[in-house]
Amino acid sequence: MDPGCLGDCIAVFVGGGASPAQWVAVGQACQRFALQATALGLKQAFIKQPVEVASLRPELAALVGLPGRRTDIVMRFGYGPELPWSPRRPIAAVIAT
């Protein structure tokens, strides 16, 4: 990751096709990226619109220099302020023993 990238960086995860195996591979790559970014103190957020509209996927792939590939996930990442964690219910409230 570029250490000069402080706020508005984009990661595009691209698969080789539209099969379940490819979707899992792209998801695993995204997960590894997100975990490493978190370890480095970076924040991440999904940007869904470019990949939710199927007709935009080829255009996005060409834009990132990978024409003919399938763009599956787009994430924004960078340094940002600390935010509070989402509230969680106690474990006993959601798991019956």
Foldseek 3Di string as FASTA:
>chain_A
DDPVFAFWDKDWQWFADDDPVRVVVSVVVVVVVCVVCVVVQKDKDWDCVQQVPPVNQQVVCVVVPRHPIGTDTMMTMHHDDDDDDDDDDDPCVPDDD
